[in-house]
Amino acid sequence: MHLLTDRSRVLVATAVLGDTLVFVLFIALTPIEHGSVEIAAFWRTGLPFAGVWLLVSPWLGAFRISTLTRLRMAVWRIPFIWLGCGIAAVMLRVWLTDRTFSWAFTIASISLVAAMLLSWRTLLLLAARRIERY
């Protein structure tokens, strides 16, 4: 078992906070795309996506220090972990809300969140590298 340094703890906490904000932004963008703002839709979409990611992805390595500090690891690990989590989240959403499965929604939401997570994590990685130099 590896003990986390104070810097590593801050990095992991920042990643968790930033990932959470990615899902908040994703959920906030969804009504804009569809032209309506509905609080129930916010929870209906948001909870399964953010919940699955935040509960499952740590066990799959999304918050490992190697994923947070090495671009090569992040570039393949984050999208693959998100693909599995995203599919599980869509299925959970279908089950919880009694909605029909939609390939268009699945592909669009998984692709958008993957791009958002990878963009955020790349910015975090670059910032962490810059801070480490000082």
N, C-alpha and C. Protein backbone atom coordinates (compact mmCIF):
# COMPACT_ATOMS: atom_id res chain seq x y z
N MET A 1 0.84 -1.18 0.00
CA MET A 1 0.00 0.00 0.00
C MET A 1 0.89 1.24 0.00
N HIS A 2 0.56 2.17 -0.85
CA HIS A 2 1.33 3.41 -0.95
C HIS A 2 0.69 4.48 -0.08
N LEU A 3 1.50 5.14 0.70
CA LEU A 3 1.00 6.26 1.50
C LEU A 3 1.03 7.52 0.65
N LEU A 4 -0.03 8.28 0.73
CA LEU A 4 -0.11 9.51 -0.04
C LEU A 4 0.59 10.65 0.70
N THR A 5 1.34 11.44 -0.04
CA THR A 5 1.93 12.64 0.53
C THR A 5 0.86 13.72 0.59
N ASP A 6 1.16 14.81 1.25
CA ASP A 6 0.20 15.92 1.32
C ASP A 6 -0.12 16.44 -0.07
N ARG A 7 0.91 16.53 -0.92
CA ARG A 7 0.69 17.00 -2.30
C ARG A 7 -0.22 16.05 -3.06
N SER A 8 0.01 14.76 -2.88
CA SER A 8 -0.81 13.76 -3.56
C SER A 8 -2.26 13.83 -3.09
N ARG A 9 -2.46 14.02 -1.81
CA ARG A 9 -3.83 14.15 -1.28
C ARG A 9 -4.54 15.36 -1.89
N VAL A 10 -3.82 16.45 -1.98
CA VAL A 10 -4.40 17.66 -2.58
C VAL A 10 -4.73 17.40 -4.05
N LEU A 11 -3.86 16.71 -4.75
CA LEU A 11 -4.08 16.40 -6.16
C LEU A 11 -5.31 15.52 -6.33
N VAL A 12 -5.44 14.49 -5.52
CA VAL A 12 -6.60 13.59 -5.60
C VAL A 12 -7.88 14.35 -5.24
N ALA A 13 -7.84 15.15 -4.19
CA ALA A 13 -9.02 15.93 -3.79
C ALA A 13 -9.42 16.91 -4.88
N THR A 14 -8.44 17.53 -5.51
CA THR A 14 -8.71 18.46 -6.61
C THR A 14 -9.34 17.72 -7.79
N ALA A 15 -8.84 16.53 -8.08
CA ALA A 15 -9.40 15.72 -9.17
C ALA A 15 -10.85 15.36 -8.88
N VAL A 16 -11.15 14.95 -7.66
CA VAL A 16 -12.53 14.60 -7.28
C VAL A 16 -13.43 15.82 -7.42
N LEU A 17 -12.99 16.95 -6.90
CA LEU A 17 -13.78 18.18 -6.99
C LEU A 17 -13.99 18.59 -8.45
N GLY A 18 -12.92 18.56 -9.23
CA GLY A 18 -13.03 18.93 -10.64
C GLY A 18 -13.91 17.98 -11.43
N ASP A 19 -13.79 16.68 -11.16
CA ASP A 19 -14.65 15.71 -11.84
C ASP A 19 -16.11 15.97 -11.51
N THR A 20 -16.38 16.28 -10.26
CA THR A 20 -17.75 16.60 -9.84
C THR A 20 -18.26 17.82 -10.60
N LEU A 21 -17.41 18.82 -10.74
CA LEU A 21 -17.80 20.02 -11.49
C LEU A 21 -18.02 19.72 -12.97
N VAL A 22 -17.26 18.77 -13.52
CA VAL A 22 -17.49 18.34 -14.91
C VAL A 22 -18.91 17.82 -15.06
N PHE A 23 -19.36 17.02 -14.11
CA PHE A 23 -20.72 16.48 -14.20
C PHE A 23 -21.77 17.56 -13.98
N VAL A 24 -21.50 18.51 -13.11
CA VAL A 24 -22.43 19.63 -12.92
C VAL A 24 -22.54 20.43 -14.22
N LEU A 25 -21.41 20.68 -14.87
CA LEU A 25 -21.41 21.40 -16.15
C LEU A 25 -22.15 20.60 -17.23
N PHE A 26 -21.89 19.30 -17.30
CA PHE A 26 -22.58 18.44 -18.26
C PHE A 26 -24.09 18.51 -18.06
N ILE A 27 -24.51 18.42 -16.81
CA ILE A 27 -25.94 18.44 -16.51
C ILE A 27 -26.53 19.82 -16.81
N ALA A 28 -25.76 20.87 -16.55
CA ALA A 28 -26.23 22.23 -16.83
C ALA A 28 -26.34 22.48 -18.33
N LEU A 29 -25.47 21.86 -19.13
CA LEU A 29 -25.50 22.05 -20.58
C LEU A 29 -26.65 21.29 -21.24
N THR A 30 -27.08 20.20 -20.65
CA THR A 30 -28.13 19.37 -21.25
C THR A 30 -29.42 20.13 -21.49
N PRO A 31 -29.97 20.86 -20.49
CA PRO A 31 -31.21 21.59 -20.76
C PRO A 31 -31.03 22.69 -21.79
N ILE A 32 -29.86 23.30 -21.84
CA ILE A 32 -29.60 24.36 -22.81
C ILE A 32 -29.74 23.79 -24.22
N GLU A 33 -29.22 22.58 -24.41
CA GLU A 33 -29.29 21.94 -25.71
C GLU A 33 -30.73 21.63 -26.10
N HIS A 34 -31.54 21.25 -25.11
CA HIS A 34 -32.92 20.87 -25.38
C HIS A 34 -33.90 22.02 -25.23
N GLY A 35 -33.44 23.18 -24.80
CA GLY A 35 -34.29 24.35 -24.73
C GLY A 35 -35.17 24.47 -23.51
N SER A 36 -34.94 23.66 -22.49
CA SER A 36 -35.75 23.77 -21.28
C SER A 36 -34.91 23.46 -20.06
N VAL A 37 -35.28 24.07 -18.96
CA VAL A 37 -34.58 23.81 -17.71
C VAL A 37 -35.57 23.14 -16.77
N GLU A 38 -35.24 21.96 -16.36
CA GLU A 38 -36.13 21.19 -15.51
C GLU A 38 -35.30 20.59 -14.37
N ILE A 39 -35.65 20.92 -13.15
CA ILE A 39 -34.89 20.43 -11.99
C ILE A 39 -34.92 18.91 -11.93
N ALA A 40 -36.06 18.31 -12.21
CA ALA A 40 -36.15 16.84 -12.18
C ALA A 40 -35.20 16.21 -13.19
N ALA A 41 -35.08 16.82 -14.36
CA ALA A 41 -34.16 16.30 -15.38
C ALA A 41 -32.72 16.41 -14.91
N PHE A 42 -32.44 17.47 -14.18
CA PHE A 42 -31.11 17.67 -13.61
C PHE A 42 -30.73 16.47 -12.75
N TRP A 43 -31.61 16.06 -11.85
CA TRP A 43 -31.33 14.93 -10.96
C TRP A 43 -31.41 13.60 -11.71
N ARG A 44 -32.35 13.49 -12.62
CA ARG A 44 -32.55 12.25 -13.37
C ARG A 44 -31.31 11.89 -14.19
N THR A 45 -30.66 12.89 -14.74
CA THR A 45 -29.46 12.65 -15.54
C THR A 45 -28.22 12.69 -14.68
N GLY A 46 -28.16 13.64 -13.79
CA GLY A 46 -26.94 13.88 -13.04
C GLY A 46 -26.55 12.82 -12.05
N LEU A 47 -27.50 12.38 -11.26
CA LEU A 47 -27.16 11.42 -10.21
C LEU A 47 -26.58 10.11 -10.75
N PRO A 48 -27.19 9.49 -11.75
CA PRO A 48 -26.59 8.24 -12.24
C PRO A 48 -25.18 8.45 -12.81
N PHE A 49 -24.97 9.51 -13.58
CA PHE A 49 -23.67 9.73 -14.20
C PHE A 49 -22.59 10.05 -13.17
N ALA A 50 -22.84 11.05 -12.35
CA ALA A 50 -21.85 11.43 -11.34
C ALA A 50 -21.68 10.33 -10.30
N GLY A 51 -22.78 9.73 -9.91
CA GLY A 51 -22.73 8.68 -8.89
C GLY A 51 -21.90 7.49 -9.31
N VAL A 52 -22.15 6.99 -10.50
CA VAL A 52 -21.38 5.83 -10.98
C VAL A 52 -19.90 6.20 -11.10
N TRP A 53 -19.61 7.35 -11.67
CA TRP A 53 -18.20 7.75 -11.83
C TRP A 53 -17.50 7.86 -10.48
N LEU A 54 -18.12 8.56 -9.55
CA LEU A 54 -17.46 8.81 -8.27
C LEU A 54 -17.38 7.57 -7.38
N LEU A 55 -18.28 6.62 -7.58
CA LEU A 55 -18.24 5.40 -6.78
C LEU A 55 -17.39 4.29 -7.40
N VAL A 56 -17.38 4.19 -8.72
CA VAL A 56 -16.70 3.07 -9.39
C VAL A 56 -15.30 3.43 -9.88
N SER A 57 -15.13 4.62 -10.45
CA SER A 57 -13.85 4.95 -11.08
C SER A 57 -12.63 4.90 -10.15
N PRO A 58 -12.76 5.23 -8.87
CA PRO A 58 -11.56 5.11 -8.01
C PRO A 58 -11.04 3.67 -7.95
N TRP A 59 -11.93 2.70 -7.98
CA TRP A 59 -11.53 1.30 -7.93
C TRP A 59 -10.87 0.85 -9.22
N LEU A 60 -11.12 1.58 -10.30
CA LEU A 60 -10.55 1.22 -11.61
C LEU A 60 -9.30 2.03 -11.94
N GLY A 61 -8.88 2.91 -11.06
CA GLY A 61 -7.62 3.63 -11.25
C GLY A 61 -7.72 5.06 -11.72
N ALA A 62 -8.91 5.63 -11.74
CA ALA A 62 -9.06 7.00 -12.23
C ALA A 62 -8.39 8.04 -11.34
N PHE A 63 -8.18 7.69 -10.09
CA PHE A 63 -7.57 8.64 -9.16
C PHE A 63 -6.20 8.19 -8.67
N ARG A 64 -5.62 7.22 -9.36
CA ARG A 64 -4.25 6.83 -9.03
C ARG A 64 -3.32 7.98 -9.36
N ILE A 65 -2.27 8.09 -8.60
CA ILE A 65 -1.30 9.17 -8.83
C ILE A 65 -0.72 9.06 -10.24
N SER A 66 -0.50 7.84 -10.72
CA SER A 66 0.04 7.68 -12.08
C SER A 66 -0.93 8.22 -13.12
N THR A 67 -2.22 8.08 -12.90
CA THR A 67 -3.22 8.62 -13.83
C THR A 67 -3.28 10.14 -13.74
N LEU A 68 -3.05 10.66 -12.55
CA LEU A 68 -3.14 12.11 -12.35
C LEU A 68 -1.87 12.85 -12.76
N THR A 69 -0.76 12.13 -12.92
CA THR A 69 0.51 12.81 -13.20
C THR A 69 1.16 12.41 -14.52
N ARG A 70 0.67 11.39 -15.17
CA ARG A 70 1.26 10.95 -16.44
C ARG A 70 0.23 11.05 -17.55
N LEU A 71 0.53 11.88 -18.52
CA LEU A 71 -0.41 12.11 -19.62
C LEU A 71 -0.72 10.82 -20.38
N ARG A 72 0.29 10.00 -20.62
CA ARG A 72 0.06 8.73 -21.34
C ARG A 72 -0.95 7.85 -20.62
N MET A 73 -0.86 7.81 -19.30
CA MET A 73 -1.80 7.00 -18.52
C MET A 73 -3.19 7.61 -18.58
N ALA A 74 -3.27 8.91 -18.41
CA ALA A 74 -4.57 9.59 -18.39
C ALA A 74 -5.28 9.47 -19.73
N VAL A 75 -4.54 9.59 -20.82
CA VAL A 75 -5.14 9.61 -22.15
C VAL A 75 -5.87 8.31 -22.49
N TRP A 76 -5.38 7.19 -22.02
CA TRP A 76 -6.10 5.95 -22.30
C TRP A 76 -6.95 5.50 -21.13
N ARG A 77 -6.50 5.74 -19.91
CA ARG A 77 -7.22 5.22 -18.74
C ARG A 77 -8.56 5.94 -18.52
N ILE A 78 -8.57 7.25 -18.58
CA ILE A 78 -9.80 8.01 -18.30
C ILE A 78 -10.91 7.66 -19.31
N PRO A 79 -10.66 7.69 -20.63
CA PRO A 79 -11.74 7.33 -21.55
C PRO A 79 -12.24 5.89 -21.39
N PHE A 80 -11.34 4.94 -21.15
CA PHE A 80 -11.79 3.56 -20.99
C PHE A 80 -12.59 3.36 -19.71
N ILE A 81 -12.12 3.97 -18.62
CA ILE A 81 -12.88 3.87 -17.37
C ILE A 81 -14.23 4.55 -17.55
N TRP A 82 -14.23 5.72 -18.19
CA TRP A 82 -15.50 6.43 -18.39
C TRP A 82 -16.44 5.64 -19.29
N LEU A 83 -15.93 4.97 -20.30
CA LEU A 83 -16.80 4.19 -21.19
C LEU A 83 -17.59 3.16 -20.37
N GLY A 84 -16.89 2.42 -19.52
CA GLY A 84 -17.58 1.45 -18.68
C GLY A 84 -18.55 2.10 -17.71
N CYS A 85 -18.09 3.16 -17.05
CA CYS A 85 -18.95 3.87 -16.10
C CYS A 85 -20.13 4.53 -16.81
N GLY A 86 -19.87 5.08 -17.99
CA GLY A 86 -20.94 5.74 -18.74
C GLY A 86 -22.03 4.77 -19.16
N ILE A 87 -21.64 3.59 -19.63
CA ILE A 87 -22.63 2.58 -20.00
C ILE A 87 -23.44 2.17 -18.78
N ALA A 88 -22.74 1.94 -17.66
CA ALA A 88 -23.44 1.58 -16.42
C ALA A 88 -24.38 2.71 -15.98
N ALA A 89 -23.95 3.95 -16.13
CA ALA A 89 -24.78 5.09 -15.73
C ALA A 89 -26.03 5.20 -16.61
N VAL A 90 -25.87 4.98 -17.91
CA VAL A 90 -27.03 5.03 -18.80
C VAL A 90 -28.03 3.93 -18.43
N MET A 91 -27.51 2.73 -18.17
CA MET A 91 -28.39 1.62 -17.79
C MET A 91 -29.09 1.92 -16.45
N LEU A 92 -28.35 2.48 -15.52
CA LEU A 92 -28.94 2.85 -14.23
C LEU A 92 -30.02 3.92 -14.42
N ARG A 93 -29.74 4.88 -15.27
CA ARG A 93 -30.71 5.94 -15.56
C ARG A 93 -31.98 5.37 -16.18
N VAL A 94 -31.81 4.45 -17.13
CA VAL A 94 -32.97 3.80 -17.77
C VAL A 94 -33.79 3.06 -16.72
N TRP A 95 -33.11 2.34 -15.85
CA TRP A 95 -33.79 1.54 -14.82
C TRP A 95 -34.49 2.43 -13.79
N LEU A 96 -33.79 3.45 -13.31
CA LEU A 96 -34.35 4.32 -12.26
C LEU A 96 -35.50 5.19 -12.75
N THR A 97 -35.41 5.64 -13.99
CA THR A 97 -36.41 6.58 -14.50
C THR A 97 -37.47 5.91 -15.36
N ASP A 98 -37.32 4.62 -15.60
CA ASP A 98 -38.26 3.87 -16.43
C ASP A 98 -38.39 4.48 -17.83
N ARG A 99 -37.26 4.92 -18.34
CA ARG A 99 -37.22 5.48 -19.69
C ARG A 99 -36.70 4.42 -20.66
N THR A 100 -36.96 4.64 -21.93
CA THR A 100 -36.45 3.70 -22.92
C THR A 100 -34.99 4.01 -23.21
N PHE A 101 -34.26 3.00 -23.62
CA PHE A 101 -32.86 3.15 -23.97
C PHE A 101 -32.76 3.89 -25.30
N SER A 102 -31.83 4.83 -25.38
CA SER A 102 -31.61 5.60 -26.60
C SER A 102 -30.13 5.56 -26.97
N TRP A 103 -29.85 5.02 -28.15
CA TRP A 103 -28.46 5.00 -28.62
C TRP A 103 -27.92 6.41 -28.80
N ALA A 104 -28.75 7.31 -29.32
CA ALA A 104 -28.31 8.69 -29.56
C ALA A 104 -27.89 9.35 -28.24
N PHE A 105 -28.72 9.21 -27.21
CA PHE A 105 -28.39 9.78 -25.91
C PHE A 105 -27.13 9.14 -25.34
N THR A 106 -27.04 7.83 -25.46
CA THR A 106 -25.89 7.10 -24.91
C THR A 106 -24.60 7.56 -25.56
N ILE A 107 -24.57 7.58 -26.87
CA ILE A 107 -23.34 7.97 -27.60
C ILE A 107 -23.00 9.43 -27.33
N ALA A 108 -24.00 10.30 -27.39
CA ALA A 108 -23.75 11.73 -27.18
C ALA A 108 -23.27 12.01 -25.76
N SER A 109 -23.93 11.45 -24.78
CA SER A 109 -23.56 11.74 -23.40
C SER A 109 -22.21 11.13 -23.04
N ILE A 110 -21.96 9.91 -23.45
CA ILE A 110 -20.67 9.28 -23.14
C ILE A 110 -19.53 10.03 -23.85
N SER A 111 -19.74 10.42 -25.09
CA SER A 111 -18.70 11.15 -25.83
C SER A 111 -18.43 12.52 -25.22
N LEU A 112 -19.49 13.24 -24.89
CA LEU A 112 -19.33 14.59 -24.33
C LEU A 112 -18.62 14.54 -22.98
N VAL A 113 -19.06 13.65 -22.11
CA VAL A 113 -18.43 13.57 -20.79
C VAL A 113 -16.98 13.09 -20.91
N ALA A 114 -16.71 12.17 -21.82
CA ALA A 114 -15.32 11.71 -22.02
C ALA A 114 -14.43 12.88 -22.42
N ALA A 115 -14.91 13.70 -23.35
CA ALA A 115 -14.12 14.86 -23.79
C ALA A 115 -13.95 15.86 -22.65
N MET A 116 -14.99 16.07 -21.87
CA MET A 116 -14.91 17.02 -20.76
C MET A 116 -13.97 16.51 -19.66
N LEU A 117 -14.09 15.23 -19.31
CA LEU A 117 -13.21 14.66 -18.28
C LEU A 117 -11.76 14.70 -18.72
N LEU A 118 -11.51 14.29 -19.96
CA LEU A 118 -10.13 14.26 -20.45
C LEU A 118 -9.55 15.67 -20.55
N SER A 119 -10.34 16.64 -20.96
CA SER A 119 -9.87 18.03 -21.02
C SER A 119 -9.53 18.54 -19.63
N TRP A 120 -10.43 18.31 -18.69
CA TRP A 120 -10.20 18.75 -17.31
C TRP A 120 -8.97 18.08 -16.72
N ARG A 121 -8.88 16.77 -16.91
CA ARG A 121 -7.76 16.04 -16.32
C ARG A 121 -6.43 16.45 -16.95
N THR A 122 -6.44 16.79 -18.23
CA THR A 122 -5.21 17.27 -18.88
C THR A 122 -4.79 18.61 -18.28
N LEU A 123 -5.75 19.50 -18.08
CA LEU A 123 -5.44 20.79 -17.44
C LEU A 123 -4.91 20.58 -16.02
N LEU A 124 -5.51 19.67 -15.28
CA LEU A 124 -5.04 19.37 -13.93
C LEU A 124 -3.62 18.82 -13.95
N LEU A 125 -3.36 17.92 -14.86
CA LEU A 125 -2.03 17.33 -14.99
C LEU A 125 -0.99 18.39 -15.31
N LEU A 126 -1.29 19.26 -16.25
CA LEU A 126 -0.35 20.32 -16.62
C LEU A 126 -0.12 21.28 -15.45
N ALA A 127 -1.18 21.61 -14.73
CA ALA A 127 -1.03 22.49 -13.56
C ALA A 127 -0.20 21.81 -12.48
N ALA A 128 -0.42 20.52 -12.26
CA ALA A 128 0.34 19.79 -11.25
C ALA A 128 1.82 19.74 -11.61
N ARG A 129 2.10 19.56 -12.89
CA ARG A 129 3.51 19.55 -13.34
C ARG A 129 4.16 20.91 -13.11
N ARG A 130 3.41 21.94 -13.42
CA ARG A 130 3.95 23.30 -13.26
C ARG A 130 4.22 23.61 -11.79
N ILE A 131 3.29 23.24 -10.94
CA ILE A 131 3.45 23.47 -9.50
C ILE A 131 4.62 22.67 -8.95
N GLU A 132 4.79 21.45 -9.44
CA GLU A 132 5.87 20.59 -8.97
C GLU A 132 7.25 21.19 -9.26
N ARG A 133 7.35 21.95 -10.32
CA ARG A 133 8.63 22.57 -10.68
C ARG A 133 9.07 23.61 -9.66
N TYR A 134 8.11 24.19 -8.96
CA TYR A 134 8.43 25.28 -8.02
C TYR A 134 8.55 24.80 -6.62
